[in-house]
Amino acid sequence: MGSMVVVGLVWFVFHNVVPRLDLNAWVGAFAVLTLWRMIVWWRYREADFTVQGRAWLRHAVLAAFIGGVLWGLGSLFLFPPGLLVYQLTFMVTLAMMATAAMFSYSPHYRTYFAYFTPSMVPGIIALEFQREPPQEALGVGLLLLCCVVLVSVRTYNRMFLESLALRLEKIDLVAQLTAQKDVAEAANLAKSRFLAAASHDLRQPVHALNLYLGAFSQMELPKPAGVMLGKVRQCAQIMDEMFRTLLDISELDAGAIKPQVGAFSLAPLFARARVEFEPQARAKGIELRVRRCSQHLRSDPVLVERVLRNLISNAIRYTERGRVVVGCRPRGNVRRICVYDTGLGIEPHQQSLVFEEFYQVGNRERDRSKGLGLGLAIVQRLARLLQAPVLLRSQPGKGSLFAFDVECAQEVATPRVHLAPRSSDSRDLADALVVVVDDEELILDAARSLLEQWGCTVVTAVSRSAALQKLAGSSRPPDVVICDYRLRDQETGISVIEAIRNEFNGDIPALLLTGETDPGQLRKIAASGIALLHKPLRDDELNDAICALRARRSVLQV
């Protein structure tokens, strides 16, 4: 279409000085060429160029060649004898068209050459045949211009091809990265599914082991056997901690944990931290200092406490001598909660790696007593939920500082919370009727052994129908129902508990046990309102949970 505009201007300038028939025929040929090119464009405008690209290119080269030939033919009649101005006008038009074509044709060098050669060469030859000094000088000048243009086009062509290659390479890299990202996400999802399935299956025997060990601890054993039992329980506790840590990671990655923001006092968190970790620090021969802080903050107190506990645990684990200091510092409208230790310290190139899963400084031998290397990975995920990035400053051999900022809040009245006494005294459960439902016979036997040691009357069943059948002749409602969440034949512990409550027409205290990590299932359990504990469960935790359920029921009845 641009060529047609220029051809129209040529017709307007030359129609009175050259044969009209030749000029009209020349313009008509350009019009036919333009129409043909539009038809070709329409045909290929939605084409798949991976299949039809070569056909389109052949048409483009042919059209450029025909256009160049038509401009070259113009040299036969658009050189009116003795009219130097018109001759110069036509040659300047040719040079302008050749220069303008650089930007549209030079990406494909052969297309430009197919247009340029037949358009410029006849005009230069026609100038030389005039045998006049001005025309000969102009012909030489145009010849030099042609050389410069061809070199420029060649350079531009190379630049275009290089930029195109880089662009295509970038597209390929993006496609590869996208594919790798999809593969990584699929692998991560598969890992989560595997973790959910494997975790549930592995928790079952560990849970049974904990119950058997609890039953053993109630028996009178010889001293050597008691020492051996203590070591076995220590091994079971290490496995238990590993499972709990993996569960935390799975819940955080799945987005099952949502912050519950509110105002709270920092003092109780620090007090609980001192009580929990002071024995560990004393056992290692280091000092734990927890500074007093009565500041009120605004965040999720449970998640803040989890972050704090993980940081303190990590500091004690990697500190062999000296001290661990816990405190907070004012920083405008926030308080910076800090955990400082005089431990190993972290090399600069490792400081970004310590927040990765299973990465541990100074534990190449993978000593399981030093944990799994997931503590700081959990901290980072929790801090991200709280929008409180963790600050790390460390010097090798001198220690480390971990800190995070929490927004200040107005002081609020802290309600008194009366907790049920923590006790493993079996007399608390004497004569209690406890129903245990689980599809694992080993767990049922372990639970019966432990509960009978505590003086309970125990009814065990593998399903809802079996539990209802065994309770059919009892006029006494169970004191507590303990049920596994996932049972056979797609039955759940929720339906079992509801059926037993309906059978006795009462709100019987119930406890769900599960090894589930799937967030969807965890949400269903949370929505039921039934108390939940995760497998594997220690005997003292089970005792505390049962006592707490019975105590709460007694308070409600009063």
Protein backbone atom coordinates (compact mmCIF):
# COMPACT_ATOMS: atom_id res chain seq x y z
CA MET A 1 0.00 0.00 0.00
CA GLY A 2 2.94 2.34 0.67
CA SER A 3 4.29 1.62 -2.80
CA MET A 4 0.91 2.48 -4.32
CA VAL A 5 1.00 5.91 -2.61
CA VAL A 6 4.44 6.64 -4.12
CA VAL A 7 3.34 5.32 -7.54
CA GLY A 8 0.36 7.66 -7.40
CA LEU A 9 2.67 10.62 -6.71
CA VAL A 10 4.88 9.59 -9.67
CA TRP A 11 1.82 9.47 -11.93
CA PHE A 12 0.79 12.93 -10.72
CA VAL A 13 4.25 14.39 -11.46
CA PHE A 14 4.94 12.64 -14.80
CA HIS A 15 1.52 12.33 -16.46
CA ASN A 16 2.08 15.43 -18.60
CA VAL A 17 5.69 14.71 -19.68
CA VAL A 18 5.74 10.98 -20.58
CA PRO A 19 3.45 8.80 -22.76
CA ARG A 20 0.18 8.48 -20.87
CA LEU A 21 -0.47 4.92 -22.08
CA ASP A 22 2.85 3.62 -20.76
CA LEU A 23 2.40 5.44 -17.47
CA ASN A 24 -1.16 4.11 -16.95
CA ALA A 25 -0.10 0.57 -17.78
CA TRP A 26 2.76 0.83 -15.30
CA VAL A 27 0.45 2.13 -12.56
CA GLY A 28 -2.10 -0.61 -13.39
CA ALA A 29 0.57 -3.29 -13.04
CA PHE A 30 1.40 -1.97 -9.57
CA ALA A 31 -2.31 -2.02 -8.67
CA VAL A 32 -2.61 -5.68 -9.77
CA LEU A 33 0.54 -6.55 -7.78
CA THR A 34 -0.83 -4.82 -4.68
CA LEU A 35 -4.17 -6.62 -5.00
CA TRP A 36 -2.41 -9.96 -5.36
CA ARG A 37 -0.27 -9.26 -2.32
CA MET A 38 -3.38 -8.39 -0.28
CA ILE A 39 -4.98 -11.68 -1.32
CA VAL A 40 -1.86 -13.57 -0.28
CA TRP A 41 -1.80 -11.73 3.05
CA TRP A 42 -5.45 -12.55 3.67
CA ARG A 43 -4.76 -16.18 2.89
CA TYR A 44 -1.86 -16.44 5.31
CA ARG A 45 -2.94 -14.01 8.05
CA GLU A 46 -4.01 -16.84 10.38
CA ALA A 47 -1.70 -19.48 8.99
CA ASP A 48 0.38 -21.89 11.05
CA PHE A 49 3.83 -20.73 9.95
CA THR A 50 5.47 -23.83 11.37
CA VAL A 51 3.74 -25.63 8.47
CA GLN A 52 3.18 -22.92 5.80
CA GLY A 53 6.11 -20.62 6.49
CA ARG A 54 8.11 -21.64 3.42
CA ALA A 55 5.15 -21.10 1.07
CA TRP A 56 4.58 -17.62 2.55
CA LEU A 57 8.29 -16.82 2.11
CA ARG A 58 8.24 -17.87 -1.56
CA HIS A 59 5.29 -15.56 -2.19
CA ALA A 60 7.04 -12.71 -0.35
CA VAL A 61 10.26 -13.08 -2.39
CA LEU A 62 8.30 -13.30 -5.63
CA ALA A 63 6.23 -10.21 -4.81
CA ALA A 64 9.35 -8.22 -3.91
CA PHE A 65 11.02 -9.29 -7.16
CA ILE A 66 8.01 -8.29 -9.27
CA GLY A 67 7.85 -4.92 -7.47
CA GLY A 68 11.56 -4.35 -8.18
CA VAL A 69 11.09 -5.28 -11.86
CA LEU A 70 8.21 -2.80 -12.23
CA TRP A 71 10.34 0.00 -10.77
CA GLY A 72 13.15 -1.02 -13.10
CA LEU A 73 10.79 -0.94 -16.09
CA GLY A 74 9.91 2.61 -15.16
CA SER A 75 13.42 3.57 -16.23
CA LEU A 76 12.39 2.89 -19.90
CA PHE A 77 9.88 5.73 -20.11
CA LEU A 78 10.29 7.87 -16.98
CA PHE A 79 13.52 9.46 -18.30
CA PRO A 80 12.11 12.20 -20.54
CA PRO A 81 15.01 13.39 -22.80
CA GLY A 82 16.53 16.74 -21.84
CA LEU A 83 14.45 17.06 -18.67
CA LEU A 84 17.11 16.64 -15.99
CA VAL A 85 14.77 17.61 -13.14
CA TYR A 86 12.36 14.78 -13.97
CA GLN A 87 15.19 12.32 -14.38
CA LEU A 88 16.60 13.30 -10.98
CA THR A 89 13.12 13.12 -9.47
CA PHE A 90 12.65 9.52 -10.64
CA MET A 91 16.11 8.41 -9.43
CA VAL A 92 15.61 10.05 -6.03
CA THR A 93 12.29 8.17 -5.82
CA LEU A 94 14.10 4.91 -6.58
CA ALA A 95 16.74 5.64 -3.92
CA MET A 96 14.03 6.53 -1.41
CA MET A 97 12.13 3.31 -2.10
CA ALA A 98 15.32 1.25 -1.83
CA THR A 99 16.17 2.87 1.49
CA ALA A 100 12.63 2.47 2.85
CA ALA A 101 12.60 -1.19 1.81
CA MET A 102 15.56 -1.80 4.13
CA PHE A 103 13.27 -1.79 7.16
CA SER A 104 10.68 -4.19 5.75
CA TYR A 105 12.78 -6.55 3.58
CA SER A 106 16.22 -6.71 5.18
CA PRO A 107 15.25 -9.25 7.91
CA HIS A 108 15.35 -11.70 4.98
CA TYR A 109 18.36 -10.71 2.89
CA ARG A 110 17.29 -12.57 -0.26
CA THR A 111 13.94 -10.79 -0.32
CA TYR A 112 15.63 -7.40 -0.21
CA PHE A 113 18.15 -8.42 -2.87
CA ALA A 114 15.27 -9.66 -5.08
CA TYR A 115 13.68 -6.20 -4.83
CA PHE A 116 16.76 -3.98 -4.85
CA THR A 117 18.68 -5.33 -7.85
CA PRO A 118 15.98 -5.12 -10.56
CA SER A 119 14.80 -1.71 -9.29
CA MET A 120 18.11 0.17 -9.08
CA VAL A 121 20.35 -1.35 -11.77
CA PRO A 122 18.21 -0.33 -14.82
CA GLY A 123 17.97 3.27 -13.57
CA ILE A 124 21.76 3.58 -13.08
CA ILE A 125 22.35 2.13 -16.55
CA ALA A 126 19.79 4.55 -18.02
CA LEU A 127 21.63 7.49 -16.41
CA GLU A 128 24.95 6.40 -17.89
CA PHE A 129 23.40 6.13 -21.38
CA GLN A 130 22.49 9.83 -21.22
CA ARG A 131 26.17 10.70 -21.89
CA GLU A 132 25.85 13.91 -19.92
CA PRO A 133 28.20 14.79 -17.02
CA PRO A 134 25.39 15.45 -14.46
CA GLN A 135 23.68 12.14 -15.24
CA GLU A 136 26.97 10.22 -15.24
CA ALA A 137 27.96 11.76 -11.89
CA LEU A 138 24.54 10.92 -10.48
CA GLY A 139 24.86 7.34 -11.75
CA VAL A 140 28.23 6.93 -10.02
CA GLY A 141 26.81 8.41 -6.83
CA LEU A 142 23.83 6.05 -6.91
CA LEU A 143 26.18 3.12 -7.51
CA LEU A 144 28.13 4.06 -4.38
CA LEU A 145 24.85 4.47 -2.51
CA CYS A 146 23.86 0.97 -3.61
CA CYS A 147 27.08 -0.44 -2.16
CA VAL A 148 26.52 1.36 1.15
CA VAL A 149 22.88 0.25 1.31
CA LEU A 150 23.75 -3.39 0.58
CA VAL A 151 26.42 -3.42 3.31
CA SER A 152 24.00 -1.74 5.74
CA VAL A 153 21.27 -4.21 4.90
CA ARG A 154 23.66 -7.10 5.44
CA THR A 155 24.64 -5.69 8.84
CA TYR A 156 21.04 -5.05 9.81
CA ASN A 157 20.13 -8.56 8.67
CA ARG A 158 22.76 -10.09 10.94
CA MET A 159 21.62 -7.95 13.86
CA PHE A 160 18.03 -8.97 13.26
CA LEU A 161 18.87 -12.66 13.08
CA GLU A 162 20.95 -12.48 16.26
CA SER A 163 18.19 -10.68 18.16
CA LEU A 164 15.64 -13.14 16.82
CA ALA A 165 17.82 -16.06 17.88
CA LEU A 166 18.14 -14.56 21.37
CA ARG A 167 14.39 -14.02 21.53
CA LEU A 168 13.67 -17.59 20.47
CA GLU A 169 16.25 -18.86 22.92
CA LYS A 170 14.56 -16.84 25.65
CA ILE A 171 11.19 -18.27 24.67
CA ASP A 172 12.67 -21.78 24.78
CA LEU A 173 14.19 -21.09 28.17
CA VAL A 174 10.89 -19.78 29.49
CA ALA A 175 9.14 -22.86 28.11
CA GLN A 176 11.75 -25.12 29.71
CA LEU A 177 11.49 -23.27 33.02
CA THR A 178 7.69 -23.49 32.86
CA ALA A 179 7.90 -27.21 32.13
CA GLN A 180 10.40 -27.71 34.94
CA LYS A 181 8.20 -25.66 37.27
CA ASP A 182 5.22 -27.84 36.37
CA VAL A 183 7.32 -30.96 36.95
CA ALA A 184 8.54 -29.57 40.29
CA GLU A 185 5.00 -28.70 41.37
CA ALA A 186 3.80 -32.15 40.34
CA ALA A 187 6.70 -33.71 42.24
CA ASN A 188 5.92 -31.57 45.27
CA LEU A 189 2.27 -32.62 45.12
CA ALA A 190 3.32 -36.25 44.74
CA LYS A 191 5.66 -35.80 47.71
CA SER A 192 2.82 -34.39 49.80
CA ARG A 193 0.57 -37.29 48.82
CA PHE A 194 3.33 -39.78 49.56
CA LEU A 195 4.03 -38.10 52.88
CA ALA A 196 0.36 -38.22 53.77
CA ALA A 197 0.05 -41.91 52.92
CA ALA A 198 3.42 -43.04 54.25
CA SER A 199 3.12 -40.89 57.37
CA HIS A 200 -0.24 -42.42 58.25
CA ASP A 201 1.01 -45.97 57.74
CA LEU A 202 4.26 -45.39 59.63
CA ARG A 203 2.55 -43.66 62.53
CA GLN A 204 0.40 -46.70 63.26
CA PRO A 205 3.16 -49.03 64.54
CA VAL A 206 4.96 -46.15 66.27
CA HIS A 207 1.72 -45.21 67.99
CA ALA A 208 1.22 -48.82 69.12
CA LEU A 209 4.84 -48.90 70.30
CA ASN A 210 4.30 -45.81 72.47
CA LEU A 211 1.22 -47.36 74.05
CA TYR A 212 3.00 -50.65 74.77
CA LEU A 213 5.93 -48.74 76.28
CA GLY A 214 3.50 -46.79 78.45
CA ALA A 215 1.96 -50.06 79.66
CA PHE A 216 5.41 -51.46 80.40
CA SER A 217 6.30 -48.37 82.43
CA GLN A 218 3.40 -49.14 84.79
CA MET A 219 4.78 -52.59 85.59
CA GLU A 220 7.27 -53.60 88.24
CA LEU A 221 10.46 -54.35 86.31
CA PRO A 222 13.98 -55.30 87.39
CA LYS A 223 16.37 -52.37 87.43
CA PRO A 224 18.33 -53.41 84.27
CA ALA A 225 15.05 -53.85 82.41
CA GLY A 226 13.88 -50.43 83.62
CA VAL A 227 17.09 -48.81 82.34
CA MET A 228 16.68 -50.55 79.00
CA LEU A 229 13.03 -49.47 78.83
CA GLY A 230 14.08 -45.86 79.40
CA LYS A 231 16.47 -46.03 76.43
CA VAL A 232 13.79 -47.58 74.23
CA ARG A 233 11.37 -44.80 75.21
CA GLN A 234 14.06 -42.25 74.35
CA CYS A 235 14.36 -43.75 70.84
CA ALA A 236 10.60 -43.68 70.47
CA GLN A 237 10.54 -40.04 71.55
CA ILE A 238 13.08 -39.14 68.84
CA MET A 239 10.88 -40.83 66.21
CA ASP A 240 7.88 -39.05 67.64
CA GLU A 241 9.58 -35.65 67.30
CA MET A 242 10.50 -36.45 63.69
CA PHE A 243 6.89 -37.25 62.83
CA ARG A 244 5.62 -34.10 64.47
CA THR A 245 8.15 -31.98 62.62
CA LEU A 246 7.23 -33.54 59.27
CA LEU A 247 3.56 -32.95 60.06
CA ASP A 248 4.23 -29.26 60.75
CA ILE A 249 6.02 -28.88 57.40
CA SER A 250 3.21 -30.69 55.58
CA GLU A 251 0.52 -28.51 57.16
CA LEU A 252 2.39 -25.29 56.38
CA ASP A 253 3.09 -26.26 52.76
CA ALA A 254 -0.53 -27.26 52.28
CA GLY A 255 -1.82 -23.93 53.61
CA ALA A 256 -3.85 -25.64 56.33
CA ILE A 257 -2.68 -23.15 58.99
CA LYS A 258 -4.24 -19.68 58.98
CA PRO A 259 -3.14 -16.92 61.40
CA GLN A 260 -5.68 -15.92 64.06
CA VAL A 261 -4.60 -12.35 64.77
CA GLY A 262 -5.31 -10.75 68.13
CA ALA A 263 -3.74 -8.84 71.01
CA PHE A 264 -1.74 -10.81 73.56
CA SER A 265 0.92 -10.38 76.22
CA LEU A 266 4.46 -11.54 75.49
CA ALA A 267 5.23 -12.32 79.15
CA PRO A 268 3.40 -15.71 79.31
CA LEU A 269 5.16 -16.85 76.12
CA PHE A 270 8.56 -16.05 77.60
CA ALA A 271 7.60 -17.70 80.91
CA ARG A 272 6.56 -20.93 79.20
CA ALA A 273 9.73 -20.89 77.11
CA ARG A 274 11.86 -20.62 80.25
CA VAL A 275 10.05 -23.53 81.92
CA GLU A 276 10.26 -25.72 78.81
CA PHE A 277 13.85 -25.13 77.72
CA GLU A 278 15.71 -24.43 80.97
CA PRO A 279 16.16 -28.17 81.74
CA GLN A 280 17.58 -28.77 78.22
CA ALA A 281 20.02 -25.89 78.57
CA ARG A 282 21.06 -27.04 82.06
CA ALA A 283 21.64 -30.58 80.76
CA LYS A 284 24.08 -29.20 78.15
CA GLY A 285 25.86 -27.04 80.68
CA ILE A 286 24.83 -23.73 79.12
CA GLU A 287 22.86 -20.82 80.53
CA LEU A 288 19.41 -19.83 79.31
CA ARG A 289 18.50 -16.20 80.00
CA VAL A 290 14.93 -15.07 79.27
CA ARG A 291 14.57 -11.32 79.72
CA ARG A 292 11.41 -9.92 81.24
CA CYS A 293 9.05 -8.33 78.74
CA SER A 294 5.49 -7.27 79.52
CA GLN A 295 4.82 -5.76 76.09
CA HIS A 296 1.48 -6.47 74.41
CA LEU A 297 1.66 -7.43 70.73
CA ARG A 298 -0.77 -7.93 67.88
CA SER A 299 -0.38 -11.16 65.94
CA ASP A 300 -1.24 -14.84 66.26
CA PRO A 301 0.10 -15.80 69.71
CA VAL A 302 0.16 -19.51 68.91
CA LEU A 303 2.26 -19.06 65.76
CA VAL A 304 4.52 -16.50 67.44
CA GLU A 305 5.15 -18.98 70.25
CA ARG A 306 5.93 -21.73 67.73
CA VAL A 307 8.47 -19.50 66.01
CA LEU A 308 10.01 -18.59 69.36
CA ARG A 309 10.15 -22.23 70.52
CA ASN A 310 11.82 -23.39 67.32
CA LEU A 311 14.41 -20.61 67.50
CA ILE A 312 15.24 -21.37 71.14
CA SER A 313 15.41 -25.12 70.47
CA ASN A 314 17.70 -24.50 67.52
CA ALA A 315 19.95 -22.19 69.57
CA ILE A 316 20.32 -24.71 72.39
CA ARG A 317 21.01 -27.54 69.97
CA TYR A 318 23.94 -25.71 68.34
CA THR A 319 25.42 -24.12 71.46
CA GLU A 320 28.01 -26.19 73.30
CA ARG A 321 29.14 -23.56 75.80
CA GLY A 322 28.16 -20.09 76.91
CA ARG A 323 24.55 -18.97 76.91
CA VAL A 324 21.31 -18.45 75.00
CA VAL A 325 19.55 -15.13 75.57
CA VAL A 326 15.89 -14.46 74.72
CA GLY A 327 14.43 -10.96 74.81
CA CYS A 328 12.72 -8.18 72.89
CA ARG A 329 13.80 -4.73 71.77
CA PRO A 330 11.64 -1.68 70.96
CA ARG A 331 11.80 -0.53 67.34
CA GLY A 332 9.19 2.18 66.81
CA ASN A 333 5.74 0.60 66.59
CA VAL A 334 7.08 -2.95 66.65
CA ARG A 335 8.96 -5.14 69.06
CA ARG A 336 11.87 -7.23 67.80
CA ILE A 337 11.87 -10.65 69.46
CA CYS A 338 15.47 -11.88 69.59
CA VAL A 339 17.17 -15.18 70.29
CA TYR A 340 20.94 -14.86 70.68
CA ASP A 341 23.39 -17.71 71.25
CA THR A 342 27.15 -18.15 71.66
CA GLY A 343 27.16 -21.27 69.51
CA LEU A 344 28.92 -22.38 66.36
CA GLY A 345 27.90 -19.45 64.22
CA ILE A 346 27.10 -19.69 60.52
CA GLU A 347 29.36 -18.95 57.57
CA PRO A 348 28.07 -16.14 55.30
CA HIS A 349 27.57 -18.48 52.32
CA GLN A 350 25.47 -20.81 54.50
CA GLN A 351 23.16 -18.22 56.02
CA SER A 352 20.63 -18.43 53.20
CA LEU A 353 20.81 -22.23 53.22
CA VAL A 354 19.93 -22.81 56.87
CA PHE A 355 16.27 -22.04 56.15
CA GLU A 356 16.09 -24.83 53.57
CA GLU A 357 14.62 -28.21 54.41
CA PHE A 358 16.96 -30.83 55.91
CA TYR A 359 19.97 -28.48 55.84
CA GLN A 360 22.04 -28.56 59.03
CA VAL A 361 25.26 -26.74 59.87
CA GLY A 362 27.93 -29.03 61.33
CA ASN A 363 25.92 -32.24 61.01
CA ARG A 364 27.35 -34.01 57.98
CA GLU A 365 27.11 -37.34 59.75
CA ARG A 366 23.29 -36.82 59.98
CA ASP A 367 23.14 -37.36 63.74
CA ARG A 368 19.41 -37.73 64.42
CA SER A 369 19.85 -36.45 67.97
CA LYS A 370 20.42 -33.06 66.34
CA GLY A 371 17.01 -33.13 64.65
CA LEU A 372 15.98 -33.32 61.02
CA GLY A 373 17.08 -29.86 59.94
CA LEU A 374 13.48 -28.67 59.58
CA GLY A 375 13.29 -26.27 62.52
CA LEU A 376 14.36 -23.15 60.64
CA ALA A 377 12.38 -24.22 57.57
CA ILE A 378 9.27 -24.23 59.78
CA VAL A 379 10.31 -20.87 61.25
CA GLN A 380 10.57 -19.32 57.80
CA ARG A 381 7.14 -20.60 56.76
CA LEU A 382 5.52 -19.42 59.99
CA ALA A 383 7.21 -16.02 59.72
CA ARG A 384 5.92 -15.71 56.17
CA LEU A 385 2.38 -16.40 57.41
CA LEU A 386 2.82 -13.73 60.09
CA GLN A 387 4.41 -11.30 57.60
CA ALA A 388 7.38 -11.06 59.94
CA PRO A 389 10.58 -11.99 58.05
CA VAL A 390 13.33 -13.54 60.15
CA LEU A 391 16.54 -11.57 60.55
CA LEU A 392 19.79 -13.55 60.82
CA ARG A 393 23.15 -12.17 61.92
CA SER A 394 25.96 -14.58 62.64
CA GLN A 395 29.72 -14.81 62.97
CA PRO A 396 31.47 -18.17 62.80
CA GLY A 397 32.78 -19.15 66.21
CA LYS A 398 31.00 -16.30 68.00
CA GLY A 399 27.33 -17.14 67.75
CA SER A 400 24.13 -16.15 65.99
CA LEU A 401 21.19 -13.80 66.37
CA PHE A 402 17.74 -14.73 65.04
CA ALA A 403 15.04 -12.08 65.32
CA PHE A 404 11.61 -11.16 63.96
CA ASP A 405 9.37 -8.11 64.38
CA VAL A 406 5.83 -8.13 65.77
CA GLU A 407 3.47 -5.14 65.81
CA CYS A 408 2.71 -3.55 69.18
CA ALA A 409 -0.83 -3.51 70.57
CA GLN A 410 -2.73 -1.73 73.30
CA GLU A 411 -2.58 -3.42 76.68
CA VAL A 412 -5.44 -5.85 77.18
CA ALA A 413 -6.68 -7.68 80.21
CA THR A 414 -5.19 -11.15 80.17
CA PRO A 415 -7.83 -13.69 81.20
CA ARG A 416 -6.92 -16.34 83.69
CA VAL A 417 -6.90 -19.78 82.20
CA HIS A 418 -7.37 -22.73 84.53
CA LEU A 419 -5.66 -25.72 83.02
CA ALA A 420 -6.40 -29.28 83.92
CA PRO A 421 -3.60 -30.69 86.01
CA ARG A 422 -0.98 -32.58 84.02
CA SER A 423 -0.87 -35.97 85.60
CA SER A 424 -0.14 -39.48 84.50
CA ASP A 425 -1.50 -40.96 87.73
CA SER A 426 -3.60 -43.96 86.66
CA ARG A 427 -6.01 -43.43 89.62
CA ASP A 428 -7.48 -40.48 87.72
CA LEU A 429 -9.04 -42.99 85.33
CA ALA A 430 -10.00 -45.75 87.76
CA ASP A 431 -13.29 -47.51 86.82
CA ALA A 432 -13.66 -45.37 83.69
CA LEU A 433 -15.41 -47.06 80.74
CA VAL A 434 -13.35 -46.31 77.65
CA VAL A 435 -14.31 -47.34 74.11
CA VAL A 436 -11.43 -47.64 71.65
CA VAL A 437 -12.17 -47.97 67.92
CA ASP A 438 -9.33 -48.63 65.47
CA ASP A 439 -8.93 -50.88 62.44
CA GLU A 440 -5.43 -51.96 63.57
CA GLU A 441 -5.58 -54.94 65.92
CA LEU A 442 -2.09 -54.16 67.22
CA ILE A 443 -3.16 -50.67 68.31
CA LEU A 444 -6.31 -52.03 69.95
CA ASP A 445 -4.26 -54.53 71.94
CA ALA A 446 -1.71 -51.87 72.95
CA ALA A 447 -4.47 -49.47 73.99
CA ARG A 448 -6.23 -52.16 76.03
CA SER A 449 -2.97 -53.06 77.78
CA LEU A 450 -2.25 -49.43 78.70
CA LEU A 451 -5.77 -48.47 79.75
CA GLU A 452 -6.22 -51.56 81.89
CA GLN A 453 -2.97 -50.67 83.65
CA TRP A 454 -4.71 -47.39 84.53
CA GLY A 455 -7.70 -49.28 85.94
CA CYS A 456 -10.09 -48.63 83.05
CA THR A 457 -12.78 -50.91 81.71
CA VAL A 458 -12.01 -51.15 78.02
CA VAL A 459 -14.21 -51.96 75.04
CA THR A 460 -12.36 -52.33 71.73
CA ALA A 461 -13.81 -52.51 68.22
CA VAL A 462 -12.61 -52.26 64.63
CA SER A 463 -15.70 -50.47 63.23
CA ARG A 464 -18.85 -48.58 64.09
CA SER A 465 -21.11 -51.63 63.86
CA ALA A 466 -18.76 -53.71 66.02
CA ALA A 467 -18.63 -50.96 68.68
CA LEU A 468 -22.42 -50.57 68.76
CA GLN A 469 -22.86 -54.34 68.97
CA LYS A 470 -20.51 -54.61 71.98
CA LEU A 471 -22.23 -51.67 73.71
CA ALA A 472 -25.76 -52.89 72.95
CA GLY A 473 -26.18 -54.66 76.28
CA SER A 474 -24.65 -51.88 78.39
CA SER A 475 -26.87 -49.47 80.24
CA ARG A 476 -23.88 -47.38 81.20
CA PRO A 477 -22.69 -44.83 78.64
CA PRO A 478 -18.95 -44.73 77.94
CA ASP A 479 -16.94 -42.17 79.87
CA VAL A 480 -14.68 -41.55 76.87
CA VAL A 481 -14.60 -42.68 73.24
CA ILE A 482 -11.20 -42.87 71.57
CA CYS A 483 -11.42 -43.40 67.82
CA ASP A 484 -9.05 -43.46 64.88
CA TYR A 485 -10.14 -41.03 62.17
CA ARG A 486 -9.52 -43.20 59.12
CA LEU A 487 -11.18 -46.62 59.31
CA ARG A 488 -11.90 -49.32 56.77
CA ASP A 489 -14.57 -49.13 54.08
CA GLN A 490 -14.28 -45.31 53.97
CA GLU A 491 -15.68 -45.06 57.50
CA THR A 492 -14.46 -42.16 59.64
CA GLY A 493 -14.07 -41.70 63.36
CA ILE A 494 -16.50 -38.77 63.24
CA SER A 495 -19.36 -41.01 62.13
CA VAL A 496 -18.46 -43.61 64.79
CA ILE A 497 -18.49 -41.03 67.59
CA GLU A 498 -21.79 -39.56 66.38
CA ALA A 499 -23.35 -43.04 66.24
CA ILE A 500 -22.27 -43.86 69.83
CA ARG A 501 -23.53 -40.49 71.08
CA ASN A 502 -26.88 -41.06 69.33
CA GLU A 503 -27.08 -44.56 70.80
CA PHE A 504 -26.80 -43.22 74.36
CA ASN A 505 -28.46 -39.89 73.59
CA GLY A 506 -25.69 -37.90 75.25
CA ASP A 507 -22.65 -35.74 74.57
CA ILE A 508 -20.05 -38.38 75.40
CA PRO A 509 -16.48 -37.03 75.60
CA ALA A 510 -14.60 -38.17 72.52
CA LEU A 511 -11.08 -38.04 71.18
CA LEU A 512 -10.01 -38.49 67.57
CA LEU A 513 -6.56 -39.89 66.82
CA THR A 514 -5.12 -39.50 63.35
CA GLY A 515 -1.98 -39.71 61.30
CA GLU A 516 -3.53 -37.60 58.53
CA THR A 517 -1.58 -34.75 56.96
CA ASP A 518 -4.06 -33.98 54.18
CA PRO A 519 -5.36 -30.42 54.85
CA GLY A 520 -8.83 -31.25 53.53
CA GLN A 521 -9.25 -34.06 56.06
CA LEU A 522 -7.81 -31.90 58.84
CA ARG A 523 -10.40 -29.19 58.06
CA LYS A 524 -13.20 -31.76 58.29
CA ILE A 525 -11.95 -32.87 61.69
CA ALA A 526 -11.68 -29.27 62.88
CA ALA A 527 -15.23 -28.56 61.70
CA SER A 528 -16.57 -31.49 63.75
CA GLY A 529 -15.46 -29.86 67.00
CA ILE A 530 -14.11 -33.17 68.34
CA ALA A 531 -10.80 -33.08 70.19
CA LEU A 532 -7.91 -34.23 68.01
CA LEU A 533 -4.47 -35.64 68.74
CA HIS A 534 -1.93 -36.74 66.15
CA LYS A 535 -0.31 -40.12 66.06
CA PRO A 536 2.11 -41.28 67.34
CA LEU A 537 0.88 -40.43 70.82
CA ARG A 538 2.78 -40.89 74.08
CA ASP A 539 1.08 -42.51 77.04
CA ASP A 540 1.29 -39.36 79.19
CA GLU A 541 -0.34 -37.27 76.42
CA LEU A 542 -3.18 -39.78 76.14
CA ASN A 543 -3.65 -39.78 79.91
CA ASP A 544 -3.75 -35.98 80.05
CA ALA A 545 -6.23 -35.79 77.16
CA ILE A 546 -8.63 -38.32 78.73
CA CYS A 547 -8.44 -36.61 82.14
CA ALA A 548 -9.06 -33.21 80.54
CA LEU A 549 -12.12 -34.50 78.64
CA ARG A 550 -13.60 -36.03 81.78
CA ALA A 551 -12.87 -32.90 83.81
CA ARG A 552 -14.53 -30.70 81.22
CA ARG A 553 -17.59 -32.92 81.18
CA SER A 554 -17.81 -32.75 84.99
CA VAL A 555 -17.67 -28.94 84.87
CA LEU A 556 -20.41 -28.82 82.20
CA GLN A 557 -22.66 -31.17 84.21
CA VAL A 558 -22.26 -28.98 87.30
